[in-house]
PDB file of N, CA and C in Angstrom:
ATOM      1  N   MET A   1     112.856 105.791 138.134  1.00  0.00           N
ATOM      2  CA  MET A   1     111.984 106.405 137.143  1.00  0.00           C
ATOM      3  C   MET A   1     112.075 107.925 137.235  1.00  0.00           C
ATOM      4  N   ALA A   2     111.900 108.548 136.110  1.00  0.00           N
ATOM      5  CA  ALA A   2     111.903 110.008 136.044  1.00  0.00           C
ATOM      6  C   ALA A   2     110.568 110.545 136.571  1.00  0.00           C
ATOM      7  N   ASP A   3     110.485 111.850 136.688  1.00  0.00           N
ATOM      8  CA  ASP A   3     109.235 112.470 137.130  1.00  0.00           C
ATOM      9  C   ASP A   3     108.117 112.184 136.150  1.00  0.00           C
ATOM     10  N   VAL A   4     106.932 111.989 136.685  1.00  0.00           N
ATOM     11  CA  VAL A   4     105.730 111.801 135.872  1.00  0.00           C
ATOM     12  C   VAL A   4     104.844 113.012 136.102  1.00  0.00           C
ATOM     13  N   ILE A   5     104.313 113.562 135.028  1.00  0.00           N
ATOM     14  CA  ILE A   5     103.400 114.700 135.105  1.00  0.00           C
ATOM     15  C   ILE A   5     102.051 114.237 134.569  1.00  0.00           C
ATOM     16  N   ILE A   6     101.012 114.434 135.374  1.00  0.00           N
ATOM     17  CA  ILE A   6      99.648 114.127 134.937  1.00  0.00           C
ATOM     18  C   ILE A   6      98.884 115.439 134.937  1.00  0.00           C
ATOM     19  N   GLN A   7      98.454 115.841 133.751  1.00  0.00           N
ATOM     20  CA  GLN A   7      97.733 117.104 133.598  1.00  0.00           C
ATOM     21  C   GLN A   7      96.257 116.795 133.348  1.00  0.00           C
ATOM     22  N   VAL A   8      95.382 117.388 134.160  1.00  0.00           N
ATOM     23  CA  VAL A   8      93.942 117.279 133.937  1.00  0.00           C
ATOM     24  C   VAL A   8      93.582 118.370 132.951  1.00  0.00           C
ATOM     25  N   ARG A   9      93.180 117.970 131.764  1.00  0.00           N
ATOM     26  CA  ARG A   9      92.875 118.950 130.728  1.00  0.00           C
ATOM     27  C   ARG A   9      91.409 119.368 130.845  1.00  0.00           C
ATOM     28  N   LYS A  10      91.148 120.657 130.702  1.00  0.00           N
ATOM     29  CA  LYS A  10      89.798 121.179 130.871  1.00  0.00           C
ATOM     30  C   LYS A  10      88.830 120.475 129.925  1.00  0.00           C
ATOM     31  N   ASN A  11      87.834 119.833 130.508  1.00  0.00           N
ATOM     32  CA  ASN A  11      86.806 119.110 129.757  1.00  0.00           C
ATOM     33  C   ASN A  11      87.404 118.110 128.769  1.00  0.00           C
ATOM     34  N   GLY A  12      88.526 117.538 129.150  1.00  0.00           N
ATOM     35  CA  GLY A  12      89.197 116.590 128.271  1.00  0.00           C
ATOM     36  C   GLY A  12      89.878 115.475 129.040  1.00  0.00           C
ATOM     37  N   SER A  13      90.934 114.995 128.462  1.00  0.00           N
ATOM     38  CA  SER A  13      91.628 113.810 128.963  1.00  0.00           C
ATOM     39  C   SER A  13      92.602 114.137 130.096  1.00  0.00           C
ATOM     40  N   TYR A  14      93.176 113.067 130.641  1.00  0.00           N
ATOM     41  CA  TYR A  14      94.334 113.167 131.515  1.00  0.00           C
ATOM     42  C   TYR A  14      95.552 112.991 130.618  1.00  0.00           C
ATOM     43  N   ARG A  15      96.421 113.963 130.568  1.00  0.00           N
ATOM     44  CA  ARG A  15      97.638 113.864 129.758  1.00  0.00           C
ATOM     45  C   ARG A  15      98.781 113.434 130.670  1.00  0.00           C
ATOM     46  N   VAL A  16      99.440 112.340 130.306  1.00  0.00           N
ATOM     47  CA  VAL A  16     100.489 111.760 131.139  1.00  0.00           C
ATOM     48  C   VAL A  16     101.816 111.846 130.392  1.00  0.00           C
ATOM     49  N   GLU A  17     102.805 112.457 131.046  1.00  0.00           N
ATOM     50  CA  GLU A  17     104.143 112.598 130.467  1.00  0.00           C
ATOM     51  C   GLU A  17     105.167 112.041 131.432  1.00  0.00           C
ATOM     52  N   GLY A  18     106.232 111.515 130.892  1.00  0.00           N
ATOM     53  CA  GLY A  18     107.307 110.977 131.708  1.00  0.00           C
ATOM     54  C   GLY A  18     107.407 109.472 131.535  1.00  0.00           C
ATOM     55  N   GLU A  19     108.252 108.864 132.343  1.00  0.00           N
ATOM     56  CA  GLU A  19     108.450 107.426 132.279  1.00  0.00           C
ATOM     57  C   GLU A  19     107.532 106.749 133.290  1.00  0.00           C
ATOM     58  N   PHE A  20     106.650 105.880 132.818  1.00  0.00           N
ATOM     59  CA  PHE A  20     105.689 105.220 133.693  1.00  0.00           C
ATOM     60  C   PHE A  20     105.246 103.900 133.068  1.00  0.00           C
ATOM     61  N   LYS A  21     104.583 103.094 133.872  1.00  0.00           N
ATOM     62  CA  LYS A  21     103.957 101.857 133.401  1.00  0.00           C
ATOM     63  C   LYS A  21     102.466 101.996 133.626  1.00  0.00           C
ATOM     64  N   LEU A  22     101.683 101.439 132.719  1.00  0.00           N
ATOM     65  CA  LEU A  22     100.236 101.426 132.842  1.00  0.00           C
ATOM     66  C   LEU A  22      99.814  99.965 132.960  1.00  0.00           C
ATOM     67  N   ILE A  23      99.055  99.639 134.008  1.00  0.00           N
ATOM     68  CA  ILE A  23      98.610  98.266 134.192  1.00  0.00           C
ATOM     69  C   ILE A  23      97.091  98.228 134.299  1.00  0.00           C
ATOM     70  N   ASP A  24      96.502  97.087 133.902  1.00  0.00           N
ATOM     71  CA  ASP A  24      95.048  96.947 133.959  1.00  0.00           C
ATOM     72  C   ASP A  24      94.608  96.444 135.334  1.00  0.00           C
ATOM     73  N   HIS A  25      93.317  96.197 135.482  1.00  0.00           N
ATOM     74  CA  HIS A  25      92.754  95.806 136.773  1.00  0.00           C
ATOM     75  C   HIS A  25      93.258  94.455 137.274  1.00  0.00           C
ATOM     76  N   ASP A  26      93.820  93.630 136.381  1.00  0.00           N
ATOM     77  CA  ASP A  26      94.385  92.342 136.778  1.00  0.00           C
ATOM     78  C   ASP A  26      95.894  92.411 136.998  1.00  0.00           C
ATOM     79  N   GLY A  27      96.474  93.590 136.851  1.00  0.00           N
ATOM     80  CA  GLY A  27      97.903  93.753 137.032  1.00  0.00           C
ATOM     81  C   GLY A  27      98.733  93.498 135.789  1.00  0.00           C
ATOM     82  N   ASN A  28      98.056  93.327 134.650  1.00  0.00           N
ATOM     83  CA  ASN A  28      98.757  93.094 133.387  1.00  0.00           C
ATOM     84  C   ASN A  28      99.174  94.421 132.760  1.00  0.00           C
ATOM     85  N   PRO A  29     100.371  94.464 132.166  1.00  0.00           N
ATOM     86  CA  PRO A  29     100.794  95.713 131.522  1.00  0.00           C
ATOM     87  C   PRO A  29      99.932  96.046 130.306  1.00  0.00           C
ATOM     88  N   VAL A  30      99.624  97.323 130.156  1.00  0.00           N
ATOM     89  CA  VAL A  30      98.899  97.816 128.989  1.00  0.00           C
ATOM     90  C   VAL A  30      99.944  98.401 128.049  1.00  0.00           C
ATOM     91  N   PRO A  31     100.030  97.886 126.812  1.00  0.00           N
ATOM     92  CA  PRO A  31     101.034  98.421 125.884  1.00  0.00           C
ATOM     93  C   PRO A  31     100.790  99.902 125.592  1.00  0.00           C
ATOM     94  N   LEU A  32     101.861 100.659 125.624  1.00  0.00           N
ATOM     95  CA  LEU A  32     101.779 102.088 125.333  1.00  0.00           C
ATOM     96  C   LEU A  32     102.161 102.330 123.881  1.00  0.00           C
ATOM     97  N   PRO A  33     101.567 103.334 123.248  1.00  0.00           N
ATOM     98  CA  PRO A  33     101.938 103.665 121.866  1.00  0.00           C
ATOM     99  C   PRO A  33     103.430 103.996 121.798  1.00  0.00           C
ATOM    100  N   GLU A  34     104.104 103.431 120.833  1.00  0.00           N
ATOM    101  CA  GLU A  34     105.547 103.648 120.707  1.00  0.00           C
ATOM    102  C   GLU A  34     105.853 105.009 120.091  1.00  0.00           C
ATOM    103  N   GLY A  35     106.963 105.585 120.534  1.00  0.00           N
ATOM    104  CA  GLY A  35     107.450 106.823 119.947  1.00  0.00           C
ATOM    105  C   GLY A  35     106.745 108.089 120.405  1.00  0.00           C
ATOM    106  N   LYS A  36     105.812 107.981 121.348  1.00  0.00           N
ATOM    107  CA  LYS A  36     105.117 109.171 121.833  1.00  0.00           C
ATOM    108  C   LYS A  36     105.769 109.659 123.110  1.00  0.00           C
ATOM    109  N   LYS A  37     105.799 110.967 123.284  1.00  0.00           N
ATOM    110  CA  LYS A  37     106.368 111.560 124.489  1.00  0.00           C
ATOM    111  C   LYS A  37     105.318 111.686 125.590  1.00  0.00           C
ATOM    112  N   PHE A  38     104.049 111.502 125.244  1.00  0.00           N
ATOM    113  CA  PHE A  38     102.966 111.558 126.223  1.00  0.00           C
ATOM    114  C   PHE A  38     101.818 110.700 125.716  1.00  0.00           C
ATOM    115  N   ILE A  39     100.910 110.367 126.637  1.00  0.00           N
ATOM    116  CA  ILE A  39      99.660 109.714 126.254  1.00  0.00           C
ATOM    117  C   ILE A  39      98.526 110.495 126.886  1.00  0.00           C
ATOM    118  N   SER A  40      97.333 110.315 126.345  1.00  0.00           N
ATOM    119  CA  SER A  40      96.147 110.926 126.917  1.00  0.00           C
ATOM    120  C   SER A  40      95.192 109.809 127.303  1.00  0.00           C
ATOM    121  N   LEU A  41      94.774 109.820 128.565  1.00  0.00           N
ATOM    122  CA  LEU A  41      93.857 108.808 129.070  1.00  0.00           C
ATOM    123  C   LEU A  41      92.439 109.353 129.087  1.00  0.00           C
ATOM    124  N   CYS A  42      91.494 108.511 128.688  1.00  0.00           N
ATOM    125  CA  CYS A  42      90.086 108.899 128.629  1.00  0.00           C
ATOM    126  C   CYS A  42      89.559 109.235 130.014  1.00  0.00           C
ATOM    127  N   ARG A  43      88.779 110.291 130.078  1.00  0.00           N
ATOM    128  CA  ARG A  43      88.144 110.706 131.329  1.00  0.00           C
ATOM    129  C   ARG A  43      86.635 110.777 131.166  1.00  0.00           C
ATOM    130  N   CYS A  44      86.146 110.793 129.913  1.00  0.00           N
ATOM    131  CA  CYS A  44      84.707 110.924 129.684  1.00  0.00           C
ATOM    132  C   CYS A  44      83.989 109.574 129.665  1.00  0.00           C
ATOM    133  N   GLY A  45      84.735 108.502 129.441  1.00  0.00           N
ATOM    134  CA  GLY A  45      84.146 107.164 129.408  1.00  0.00           C
ATOM    135  C   GLY A  45      83.617 106.743 128.061  1.00  0.00           C
ATOM    136  N   ALA A  46      83.720 107.584 127.042  1.00  0.00           N
ATOM    137  CA  ALA A  46      83.124 107.284 125.746  1.00  0.00           C
ATOM    138  C   ALA A  46      84.129 106.905 124.665  1.00  0.00           C
ATOM    139  N   SER A  47      85.410 106.910 124.967  1.00  0.00           N
ATOM    140  CA  SER A  47      86.428 106.579 123.973  1.00  0.00           C
ATOM    141  C   SER A  47      86.296 105.130 123.527  1.00  0.00           C
ATOM    142  N   VAL A  48      86.487 104.882 122.241  1.00  0.00           N
ATOM    143  CA  VAL A  48      86.473 103.502 121.739  1.00  0.00           C
ATOM    144  C   VAL A  48      87.863 102.886 121.841  1.00  0.00           C
ATOM    145  N   THR A  49      88.854 103.667 122.276  1.00  0.00           N
ATOM    146  CA  THR A  49      90.218 103.155 122.413  1.00  0.00           C
ATOM    147  C   THR A  49      90.653 103.165 123.880  1.00  0.00           C
ATOM    148  N   LYS A  50      89.699 102.987 124.805  1.00  0.00           N
ATOM    149  CA  LYS A  50      90.014 102.996 126.235  1.00  0.00           C
ATOM    150  C   LYS A  50      91.174 102.061 126.535  1.00  0.00           C
ATOM    151  N   PRO A  51      92.053 102.412 127.402  1.00  0.00           N
ATOM    152  CA  PRO A  51      91.982 103.549 128.318  1.00  0.00           C
ATOM    153  C   PRO A  51      92.473 104.850 127.703  1.00  0.00           C
ATOM    154  N   PHE A  52      92.808 104.821 126.420  1.00  0.00           N
ATOM    155  CA  PHE A  52      93.349 106.014 125.772  1.00  0.00           C
ATOM    156  C   PHE A  52      92.236 106.904 125.229  1.00  0.00           C
ATOM    157  N   CYS A  53      92.494 108.194 125.198  1.00  0.00           N
ATOM    158  CA  CYS A  53      91.549 109.173 124.674  1.00  0.00           C
ATOM    159  C   CYS A  53      91.565 109.143 123.148  1.00  0.00           C
ATOM    160  N   ASP A  54      90.372 109.216 122.546  1.00  0.00           N
ATOM    161  CA  ASP A  54      90.285 109.309 121.086  1.00  0.00           C
ATOM    162  C   ASP A  54      89.614 110.606 120.640  1.00  0.00           C
ATOM    163  N   GLY A  55      89.408 111.542 121.573  1.00  0.00           N
ATOM    164  CA  GLY A  55      88.816 112.835 121.249  1.00  0.00           C
ATOM    165  C   GLY A  55      87.299 112.870 121.309  1.00  0.00           C
ATOM    166  N   THR A  56      86.665 111.758 121.670  1.00  0.00           N
ATOM    167  CA  THR A  56      85.202 111.711 121.718  1.00  0.00           C
ATOM    168  C   THR A  56      84.630 112.749 122.676  1.00  0.00           C
ATOM    169  N   HIS A  57      85.363 113.085 123.737  1.00  0.00           N
ATOM    170  CA  HIS A  57      84.857 114.055 124.716  1.00  0.00           C
ATOM    171  C   HIS A  57      84.417 115.357 124.065  1.00  0.00           C
ATOM    172  N   SER A  58      85.131 115.770 123.025  1.00  0.00           N
ATOM    173  CA  SER A  58      84.782 117.037 122.374  1.00  0.00           C
ATOM    174  C   SER A  58      83.521 116.909 121.525  1.00  0.00           C
ATOM    175  N   ARG A  59      83.242 115.717 121.024  1.00  0.00           N
ATOM    176  CA  ARG A  59      82.046 115.502 120.204  1.00  0.00           C
ATOM    177  C   ARG A  59      80.779 115.307 121.041  1.00  0.00           C
ATOM    178  N   ILE A  60      80.932 114.827 122.281  1.00  0.00           N
ATOM    179  CA  ILE A  60      79.753 114.561 123.110  1.00  0.00           C
ATOM    180  C   ILE A  60      79.479 115.671 124.122  1.00  0.00           C
ATOM    181  N   GLY A  61      80.339 116.677 124.152  1.00  0.00           N
ATOM    182  CA  GLY A  61      80.129 117.800 125.070  1.00  0.00           C
ATOM    183  C   GLY A  61      80.458 117.468 126.513  1.00  0.00           C
ATOM    184  N   PHE A  62      81.462 116.619 126.715  1.00  0.00           N
ATOM    185  CA  PHE A  62      81.869 116.248 128.065  1.00  0.00           C
ATOM    186  C   PHE A  62      82.246 117.477 128.867  1.00  0.00           C
ATOM    187  N   ILE A  63      81.766 117.518 130.099  1.00  0.00           N
ATOM    188  CA  ILE A  63      82.122 118.589 131.030  1.00  0.00           C
ATOM    189  C   ILE A  63      82.824 117.941 132.208  1.00  0.00           C
ATOM    190  N   GLY A  64      84.039 118.363 132.484  1.00  0.00           N
ATOM    191  CA  GLY A  64      84.809 117.813 133.598  1.00  0.00           C
ATOM    192  C   GLY A  64      84.152 118.110 134.929  1.00  0.00           C
ATOM    193  N   ALA A  65      84.506 117.345 135.936  1.00  0.00           N
ATOM    194  CA  ALA A  65      83.889 117.461 137.256  1.00  0.00           C
ATOM    195  C   ALA A  65      84.013 118.866 137.833  1.00  0.00           C
ATOM    196  N   GLU A  66      85.145 119.509 137.601  1.00  0.00           N
ATOM    197  CA  GLU A  66      85.343 120.843 138.168  1.00  0.00           C
ATOM    198  C   GLU A  66      84.308 121.824 137.630  1.00  0.00           C
ATOM    199  N   GLU A  67      84.141 121.833 136.310  1.00  0.00           N
ATOM    200  CA  GLU A  67      83.190 122.756 135.684  1.00  0.00           C
ATOM    201  C   GLU A  67      81.750 122.337 135.976  1.00  0.00           C
ATOM    202  N   ALA A  68      81.483 121.037 135.974  1.00  0.00           N
ATOM    203  CA  ALA A  68      80.131 120.551 136.258  1.00  0.00           C
ATOM    204  C   ALA A  68      79.705 120.949 137.665  1.00  0.00           C
ATOM    205  N   ARG A  69      80.631 120.866 138.617  1.00  0.00           N
ATOM    206  CA  ARG A  69      80.321 121.252 139.991  1.00  0.00           C
ATOM    207  C   ARG A  69      79.982 122.735 140.059  1.00  0.00           C
ATOM    208  N   GLN A  70      80.738 123.563 139.355  1.00  0.00           N
ATOM    209  CA  GLN A  70      80.483 125.000 139.363  1.00  0.00           C
ATOM    210  C   GLN A  70      79.108 125.298 138.766  1.00  0.00           C
ATOM    211  N   GLU A  71      78.752 124.609 137.669  1.00  0.00           N
ATOM    212  CA  GLU A  71      77.439 124.814 137.063  1.00  0.00           C
ATOM    213  C   GLU A  71      76.332 124.369 138.008  1.00  0.00           C
ATOM    214  N   PHE A  72      76.526 123.230 138.668  1.00  0.00           N
ATOM    215  CA  PHE A  72      75.517 122.726 139.610  1.00  0.00           C
ATOM    216  C   PHE A  72      75.338 123.686 140.772  1.00  0.00           C
ATOM    217  N   ASP A  73      76.448 124.145 141.335  1.00  0.00           N
ATOM    218  CA  ASP A  73      76.383 125.063 142.472  1.00  0.00           C
ATOM    219  C   ASP A  73      75.726 126.385 142.101  1.00  0.00           C
ATOM    220  N   ALA A  74      75.828 126.781 140.835  1.00  0.00           N
ATOM    221  CA  ALA A  74      75.259 128.055 140.388  1.00  0.00           C
ATOM    222  C   ALA A  74      73.780 127.922 140.016  1.00  0.00           C
ATOM    223  N   THR A  75      73.266 126.710 139.921  1.00  0.00           N
ATOM    224  CA  THR A  75      71.865 126.499 139.548  1.00  0.00           C
ATOM    225  C   THR A  75      70.976 126.719 140.760  1.00  0.00           C
ATOM    226  N   PRO A  76      69.982 127.616 140.634  1.00  0.00           N
ATOM    227  CA  PRO A  76      69.092 127.852 141.773  1.00  0.00           C
ATOM    228  C   PRO A  76      68.250 126.604 142.056  1.00  0.00           C
ATOM    229  N   PRO A  77      67.941 126.340 143.324  1.00  0.00           N
ATOM    230  CA  PRO A  77      67.136 125.173 143.665  1.00  0.00           C
ATOM    231  C   PRO A  77      65.712 125.300 143.125  1.00  0.00           C
ATOM    232  N   LEU A  78      65.089 124.167 142.866  1.00  0.00           N
ATOM    233  CA  LEU A  78      63.705 124.153 142.388  1.00  0.00           C
ATOM    234  C   LEU A  78      62.776 124.505 143.539  1.00  0.00           C
ATOM    235  N   PRO A  79      61.652 125.170 143.228  1.00  0.00           N
ATOM    236  CA  PRO A  79      60.723 125.547 144.312  1.00  0.00           C
ATOM    237  C   PRO A  79      60.040 124.344 144.918  1.00  0.00           C
TER     238      PRO A  79
END
């Protein structure tokens, strides 16, 4: 197999490029969209096309773990 690149997109999906197989929790292959050079996997949990991203993250204001952690760490503790 060729190199696989997985990019964590800021407040968005995981973008996967390269030659790979995607399997479900039972070990069954998940069909990949034909003719695409990459796929985007849902990270917000709200996509109706799971495991693929449908852009819902941008409509619901999803904040990725990295940014959420920074916001939490910057919040002063309650008295």
